[in-house]
C-alpha atoms as a PDB file:
ATOM      1  CA  MET A   1     -15.732   6.525  17.269  1.00  0.00           C
ATOM      2  CA  GLY A   2     -12.100   6.105  15.481  1.00  0.00           C
ATOM      3  CA  GLY A   3     -10.743   6.526  11.620  1.00  0.00           C
ATOM      4  CA  GLY A   4      -9.846   3.991   9.050  1.00  0.00           C
ATOM      5  CA  VAL A   5      -6.375   3.132   6.481  1.00  0.00           C
ATOM      6  CA  LEU A   6      -5.727   4.386   3.175  1.00  0.00           C
ATOM      7  CA  LEU A   7      -2.864   3.144   0.938  1.00  0.00           C
ATOM      8  CA  TYR A   8      -2.491   4.336  -2.726  1.00  0.00           C
ATOM      9  CA  VAL A   9      -0.053   2.362  -4.805  1.00  0.00           C
ATOM     10  CA  LYS A  10       1.164   2.897  -8.392  1.00  0.00           C
ATOM     11  CA  SER A  11      -0.603   0.288 -10.541  1.00  0.00           C
ATOM     12  CA  PHE A  12       3.005  -0.437 -11.689  1.00  0.00           C
ATOM     13  CA  LEU A  13       5.009  -1.414  -8.970  1.00  0.00           C
ATOM     14  CA  ALA A  14       2.339  -5.176  -9.056  1.00  0.00           C
ATOM     15  CA  PRO A  15       1.717  -4.780  -6.146  1.00  0.00           C
ATOM     16  CA  ILE A  16      -0.634  -7.677  -3.996  1.00  0.00           C
ATOM     17  CA  GLU A  17      -2.508  -6.562  -1.868  1.00  0.00           C
ATOM     18  CA  CYS A  18      -2.673  -8.068   2.360  1.00  0.00           C
ATOM     19  CA  ARG A  19      -4.869  -7.890   4.867  1.00  0.00           C
ATOM     20  CA  ARG A  20      -5.086  -8.813   8.545  1.00  0.00           C
ATOM     21  CA  ASN A  21      -8.010 -10.088   9.925  1.00  0.00           C
ATOM     22  CA  LYS A  22     -10.207  -7.109  11.098  1.00  0.00           C
ATOM     23  CA  SER A  23     -10.597  -8.568  14.697  1.00  0.00           C
ATOM     24  CA  ILE A  24      -7.197  -8.177  14.865  1.00  0.00           C
ATOM     25  CA  MET A  25      -7.199  -3.986  14.012  1.00  0.00           C
ATOM     26  CA  ASN A  26      -7.898  -2.459  10.141  1.00  0.00           C
ATOM     27  CA  MET A  27      -5.075  -3.216   8.797  1.00  0.00           C
ATOM     28  CA  TYR A  28      -3.648  -3.546   4.928  1.00  0.00           C
ATOM     29  CA  GLY A  29      -0.967  -3.851   2.845  1.00  0.00           C
ATOM     30  CA  VAL A  30       0.095  -4.991  -0.310  1.00  0.00           C
ATOM     31  CA  ALA A  31       3.771  -6.877  -0.745  1.00  0.00           C
ATOM     32  CA  LEU A  32       7.020  -5.945  -3.231  1.00  0.00           C
ATOM     33  CA  GLU A  33      10.528  -6.692  -2.192  1.00  0.00           C
ATOM     34  CA  THR A  34       8.823  -4.877   1.110  1.00  0.00           C
ATOM     35  CA  PHE A  35       5.523  -5.543   2.859  1.00  0.00           C
ATOM     36  CA  ILE A  36       4.057  -2.168   2.971  1.00  0.00           C
ATOM     37  CA  ARG A  37       1.610  -1.872   5.963  1.00  0.00           C
ATOM     38  CA  VAL A  38      -0.682   0.728   7.602  1.00  0.00           C
ATOM     39  CA  CYS A  39      -3.414   0.177  10.358  1.00  0.00           C
ATOM     40  CA  TYR A  40      -5.764   1.849  12.176  1.00  0.00           C
ATOM     41  CA  ARG A  41      -5.356   1.085  16.691  1.00  0.00           C
ATOM     42  CA  SER A  42      -9.232   1.186  17.605  1.00  0.00           C
ATOM     43  CA  PHE A  43     -10.461   2.368  20.303  1.00  0.00           C
ATOM     44  CA  ASN A  44     -13.920   1.439  20.470  1.00  0.00           C
ATOM     45  CA  LEU A  45     -14.143  -2.267  21.781  1.00  0.00           C
ATOM     46  CA  ALA A  46     -17.221  -2.785  21.220  1.00  0.00           C
ATOM     47  CA  VAL A  47     -15.809  -4.232  17.535  1.00  0.00           C
ATOM     48  CA  VAL A  48     -11.853  -4.805  19.007  1.00  0.00           C
ATOM     49  CA  GLY A  49     -12.320  -6.532  21.444  1.00  0.00           C
ATOM     50  CA  ASP A  50     -10.663  -5.661  25.286  1.00  0.00           C
ATOM     51  CA  ASP A  51      -7.257  -7.586  24.158  1.00  0.00           C
ATOM     52  CA  ASN A  52      -6.601  -5.391  21.304  1.00  0.00           C
ATOM     53  CA  GLU A  53      -3.503  -4.602  22.204  1.00  0.00           C
ATOM     54  CA  SER A  54      -1.990  -8.050  22.777  1.00  0.00           C
ATOM     55  CA  LYS A  55      -2.982  -8.416  19.310  1.00  0.00           C
ATOM     56  CA  LEU A  56      -1.929  -5.459  17.608  1.00  0.00           C
ATOM     57  CA  ARG A  57       1.977  -7.079  19.700  1.00  0.00           C
ATOM     58  CA  GLN A  58       1.663 -10.836  18.392  1.00  0.00           C
ATOM     59  CA  VAL A  59       0.371  -9.247  14.664  1.00  0.00           C
ATOM     60  CA  LEU A  60       4.417  -7.227  14.726  1.00  0.00           C
ATOM     61  CA  GLN A  61       6.003 -10.175  15.799  1.00  0.00           C
ATOM     62  CA  GLU A  62       4.985 -12.355  13.105  1.00  0.00           C
ATOM     63  CA  GLU A  63       5.526  -9.564  11.152  1.00  0.00           C
ATOM     64  CA  SER A  64       9.120  -8.259  11.658  1.00  0.00           C
ATOM     65  CA  ASN A  65      10.704 -12.059  10.566  1.00  0.00           C
ATOM     66  CA  LYS A  66       9.884  -9.491   7.334  1.00  0.00           C
ATOM     67  CA  HIS A  67      11.490  -6.518   4.788  1.00  0.00           C
ATOM     68  CA  ILE A  68       8.504  -4.478   6.627  1.00  0.00           C
ATOM     69  CA  LEU A  69       7.498  -0.791   6.544  1.00  0.00           C
ATOM     70  CA  LEU A  70       4.868   0.263   8.837  1.00  0.00           C
ATOM     71  CA  ILE A  71       2.151   3.007   8.809  1.00  0.00           C
ATOM     72  CA  SER A  72       0.022   3.780  11.738  1.00  0.00           C
ATOM     73  CA  ASP A  73      -1.754   5.977  14.358  1.00  0.00           C
ATOM     74  CA  PHE A  74      -1.382   2.974  17.723  1.00  0.00           C
ATOM     75  CA  LYS A  75      -2.362   5.793  20.100  1.00  0.00           C
ATOM     76  CA  TYR A  76       0.638   6.138  22.418  1.00  0.00           C
ATOM     77  CA  PRO A  77       1.327   9.453  23.816  1.00  0.00           C
ATOM     78  CA  ASP A  78       2.966   8.392  26.900  1.00  0.00           C
ATOM     79  CA  PHE A  79       5.903   7.892  25.141  1.00  0.00           C
ATOM     80  CA  ASP A  80       8.484  10.598  24.137  1.00  0.00           C
ATOM     81  CA  TRP A  81      10.334   8.617  20.342  1.00  0.00           C
ATOM     82  CA  LEU A  82      12.803  11.634  20.982  1.00  0.00           C
ATOM     83  CA  CYS A  83      13.954  11.488  24.153  1.00  0.00           C
ATOM     84  CA  HIS A  84      13.361   7.496  24.603  1.00  0.00           C
ATOM     85  CA  SER A  85      11.582   8.396  28.167  1.00  0.00           C
ATOM     86  CA  VAL A  86       7.962   6.808  29.031  1.00  0.00           C
ATOM     87  CA  LYS A  87       5.498   9.145  31.127  1.00  0.00           C
ATOM     88  CA  ALA A  88       4.150   8.695  34.363  1.00  0.00           C
ATOM     89  CA  SER A  89       1.143   8.255  33.217  1.00  0.00           C
ATOM     90  CA  ALA A  90       1.699   5.864  31.394  1.00  0.00           C
ATOM     91  CA  SER A  91      -0.351   2.643  30.307  1.00  0.00           C
ATOM     92  CA  PRO A  92       0.693  -1.092  30.834  1.00  0.00           C
ATOM     93  CA  GLY A  93       0.116  -1.559  27.305  1.00  0.00           C
ATOM     94  CA  LEU A  94       2.569   1.476  26.036  1.00  0.00           C
ATOM     95  CA  TRP A  95       5.604  -0.853  28.162  1.00  0.00           C
ATOM     96  CA  GLU A  96       4.972  -4.932  26.535  1.00  0.00           C
ATOM     97  CA  PHE A  97       4.181  -2.320  22.784  1.00  0.00           C
ATOM     98  CA  LEU A  98       8.190  -1.040  23.779  1.00  0.00           C
ATOM     99  CA  LYS A  99       9.294  -4.104  24.520  1.00  0.00           C
ATOM    100  CA  VAL A 100       7.958  -5.730  20.822  1.00  0.00           C
ATOM    101  CA  VAL A 101       9.290  -2.831  18.935  1.00  0.00           C
ATOM    102  CA  GLU A 102      12.480  -3.686  20.524  1.00  0.00           C
ATOM    103  CA  ASN A 103      12.955  -7.499  20.250  1.00  0.00           C
ATOM    104  CA  CYS A 104      12.336  -7.150  16.944  1.00  0.00           C
ATOM    105  CA  PHE A 105      14.880  -5.190  16.277  1.00  0.00           C
ATOM    106  CA  LEU A 106      12.312  -2.092  14.878  1.00  0.00           C
ATOM    107  CA  THR A 107      13.087   1.134  14.811  1.00  0.00           C
ATOM    108  CA  GLN A 108      10.798   4.035  14.691  1.00  0.00           C
ATOM    109  CA  HIS A 109      11.401   7.145  12.613  1.00  0.00           C
ATOM    110  CA  VAL A 110       9.410  10.223  13.284  1.00  0.00           C
ATOM    111  CA  LEU A 111      10.951  12.418  15.678  1.00  0.00           C
ATOM    112  CA  THR A 112       8.471  15.440  15.471  1.00  0.00           C
ATOM    113  CA  PRO A 113       5.044  15.518  17.400  1.00  0.00           C
ATOM    114  CA  THR A 114       2.254  14.220  15.036  1.00  0.00           C
ATOM    115  CA  HIS A 115      -0.746  16.015  17.328  1.00  0.00           C
ATOM    116  CA  ASP A 116       0.112  18.348  19.472  1.00  0.00           C
ATOM    117  CA  ASP A 117       3.012  17.970  21.698  1.00  0.00           C
ATOM    118  CA  SER A 118       2.514  14.169  21.060  1.00  0.00           C
ATOM    119  CA  ILE A 119       4.534  11.472  18.156  1.00  0.00           C
ATOM    120  CA  LEU A 120       0.983   9.801  17.721  1.00  0.00           C
ATOM    121  CA  ASP A 121       1.869   8.522  13.931  1.00  0.00           C
ATOM    122  CA  LEU A 122       4.770   5.809  14.110  1.00  0.00           C
ATOM    123  CA  VAL A 123       6.648   5.113  11.276  1.00  0.00           C
ATOM    124  CA  LEU A 124       8.723   1.305  11.776  1.00  0.00           C
ATOM    125  CA  THR A 125      10.774  -1.266   9.558  1.00  0.00           C
ATOM    126  CA  ASN A 126      13.301  -3.143  10.790  1.00  0.00           C
ATOM    127  CA  GLU A 127      16.071  -1.851   8.630  1.00  0.00           C
ATOM    128  CA  PRO A 128      17.301   1.438   9.468  1.00  0.00           C
ATOM    129  CA  ASP A 129      18.514   3.195   6.211  1.00  0.00           C
ATOM    130  CA  LEU A 130      15.139   1.548   4.587  1.00  0.00           C
ATOM    131  CA  ILE A 131      13.794   5.454   5.837  1.00  0.00           C
ATOM    132  CA  SER A 132      14.847   9.054   5.175  1.00  0.00           C
ATOM    133  CA  ASP A 133      14.369  12.187   4.508  1.00  0.00           C
ATOM    134  CA  VAL A 134      11.399  13.024   7.127  1.00  0.00           C
ATOM    135  CA  SER A 135       9.487  15.363   7.705  1.00  0.00           C
ATOM    136  CA  VAL A 136       5.576  16.565   9.325  1.00  0.00           C
ATOM    137  CA  ILE A 137       3.494  18.816   7.458  1.00  0.00           C
ATOM    138  CA  ASN A 138       0.724  20.152   8.145  1.00  0.00           C
ATOM    139  CA  SER A 139      -2.784  18.058   8.099  1.00  0.00           C
ATOM    140  CA  LEU A 140      -4.949  17.354   5.669  1.00  0.00           C
ATOM    141  CA  GLY A 141      -8.709  18.887   5.805  1.00  0.00           C
ATOM    142  CA  SER A 142     -10.516  18.931   9.286  1.00  0.00           C
ATOM    143  CA  SER A 143      -7.712  16.022  10.375  1.00  0.00           C
ATOM    144  CA  ASP A 144      -6.399  16.677  14.117  1.00  0.00           C
ATOM    145  CA  HIS A 145      -2.815  14.882  12.941  1.00  0.00           C
ATOM    146  CA  ASN A 146      -0.345  16.739  10.896  1.00  0.00           C
ATOM    147  CA  MET A 147       0.541  14.445   7.548  1.00  0.00           C
ATOM    148  CA  VAL A 148       3.741  12.739   7.113  1.00  0.00           C
ATOM    149  CA  ALA A 149       6.352  13.066   5.111  1.00  0.00           C
ATOM    150  CA  PHE A 150       8.596  10.804   4.170  1.00  0.00           C
ATOM    151  CA  SER A 151      11.504   9.174   1.359  1.00  0.00           C
ATOM    152  CA  ALA A 152      11.748   4.451   1.678  1.00  0.00           C
ATOM    153  CA  GLN A 153      14.829   3.446  -0.178  1.00  0.00           C
ATOM    154  CA  MET A 154      12.747   0.012  -2.216  1.00  0.00           C
ATOM    155  CA  CYS A 155      13.910  -1.388  -5.505  1.00  0.00           C
ATOM    156  CA  TYR A 156      10.898  -3.165  -8.088  1.00  0.00           C
ATOM    157  CA  ASP A 157      10.975  -5.085 -10.765  1.00  0.00           C
ATOM    158  CA  HIS A 158       9.417  -3.006 -14.519  1.00  0.00           C
ATOM    159  CA  PHE A 159       8.673  -5.453 -17.035  1.00  0.00           C
ATOM    160  CA  ALA A 160       8.188  -2.952 -19.850  1.00  0.00           C
ATOM    161  CA  ASN A 161       5.261  -5.381 -22.236  1.00  0.00           C
ATOM    162  CA  LYS A 162       6.554  -4.838 -25.794  1.00  0.00           C
ATOM    163  CA  ARG A 163       3.769  -6.158 -26.900  1.00  0.00           C
ATOM    164  CA  THR A 164       2.273  -4.584 -30.189  1.00  0.00           C
ATOM    165  CA  THR A 165      -1.340  -3.979 -29.089  1.00  0.00           C
ATOM    166  CA  ARG A 166      -4.301  -2.795 -32.168  1.00  0.00           C
ATOM    167  CA  ASP A 167      -6.762   0.138 -31.147  1.00  0.00           C
ATOM    168  CA  TYR A 168     -10.187  -0.552 -33.449  1.00  0.00           C
ATOM    169  CA  ALA A 169     -11.436   2.242 -32.000  1.00  0.00           C
ATOM    170  CA  GLN A 170      -9.340   3.672 -33.978  1.00  0.00           C
ATOM    171  CA  GLY A 171     -10.582   2.763 -37.335  1.00  0.00           C
ATOM    172  CA  ASP A 172     -11.732   4.447 -40.189  1.00  0.00           C
ATOM    173  CA  TYR A 173     -15.372   2.302 -39.873  1.00  0.00           C
ATOM    174  CA  ASP A 174     -16.234   4.592 -42.325  1.00  0.00           C
ATOM    175  CA  GLY A 175     -14.262   4.741 -44.945  1.00  0.00           C
ATOM    176  CA  MET A 176     -14.145   0.476 -44.858  1.00  0.00           C
ATOM    177  CA  ASN A 177     -17.283   0.732 -44.997  1.00  0.00           C
ATOM    178  CA  GLY A 178     -17.982   2.562 -47.630  1.00  0.00           C
ATOM    179  CA  PHE A 179     -14.758   1.491 -49.702  1.00  0.00           C
ATOM    180  CA  LEU A 180     -16.760  -2.286 -49.972  1.00  0.00           C
ATOM    181  CA  LEU A 181     -20.081  -0.418 -51.082  1.00  0.00           C
ATOM    182  CA  THR A 182     -18.154   1.327 -53.550  1.00  0.00           C
ATOM    183  CA  ALA A 183     -15.541  -2.166 -54.864  1.00  0.00           C
ATOM    184  CA  GLY A 184     -18.686  -3.740 -54.298  1.00  0.00           C
ATOM    185  CA  MET A 185     -19.055  -8.118 -55.116  1.00  0.00           C
ATOM    186  CA  ASN A 186     -17.004  -8.491 -57.649  1.00  0.00           C
ATOM    187  CA  TYR A 187     -13.716  -7.176 -55.295  1.00  0.00           C
ATOM    188  CA  LEU A 188     -14.671  -9.815 -52.687  1.00  0.00           C
ATOM    189  CA  GLU A 189     -14.675 -11.917 -55.786  1.00  0.00           C
ATOM    190  CA  VAL A 190     -11.593 -11.662 -56.940  1.00  0.00           C
ATOM    191  CA  THR A 191      -9.197 -11.188 -53.726  1.00  0.00           C
ATOM    192  CA  LEU A 192     -10.988 -14.648 -52.265  1.00  0.00           C
ATOM    193  CA  LEU A 193     -10.245 -16.400 -56.065  1.00  0.00           C
ATOM    194  CA  ASN A 194      -6.365 -14.231 -54.757  1.00  0.00           C
ATOM    195  CA  ALA A 195      -5.911 -16.197 -51.670  1.00  0.00           C
ATOM    196  CA  GLY A 196      -6.508 -19.460 -53.779  1.00  0.00           C
ATOM    197  CA  PRO A 197      -7.547 -23.395 -51.748  1.00  0.00           C
ATOM    198  CA  HIS A 198      -6.306 -23.601 -48.224  1.00  0.00           C
ATOM    199  CA  SER A 199      -4.035 -27.286 -48.802  1.00  0.00           C
ATOM    200  CA  GLY A 200      -2.789 -29.567 -46.054  1.00  0.00           C
ATOM    201  CA  THR A 201      -3.251 -33.324 -44.546  1.00  0.00           C
ATOM    202  CA  CYS A 202      -5.006 -34.525 -41.838  1.00  0.00           C
END
């Protein structure tokens, strides 16, 4: 049936969730200074329809006018990203995909196989220097794909919250109740008298 995607983002980056229409493909992301997108292209035509590849290319074209980092299992095993060669068995959809990647000036950063001898899991950006230290490491759990690790050069604004907040959960309520019981009503009356009347004009 296929899989899906999951994206974790540190909360201090204040990400904004962005979703594409699920009829196109499973694509989710967050908006920072750079749009980070993760997507899974399914072969289940009953879910995504037989025009899935053309919609994928449309998404790439629409997203390429932003600062974008796109991570995906595109399922194109017939292209060698290291040698930039296409196998004879390549589908027409692959050729169209490569044309969009070239026209949108996208850089693909993974150059080591992630599934058997194929590079299926891609990291695409429209800024070549955005990604560095790319490595393909062991698979996670029972997955038949290897994991891809990399560093991304990104900027963000970190706002320190300097507001003082009282932690009432740590209050000594037993002590306060005991004090009030010991002091009695006389203490409260004296306290209110010393505070004086509130004066003012309307």
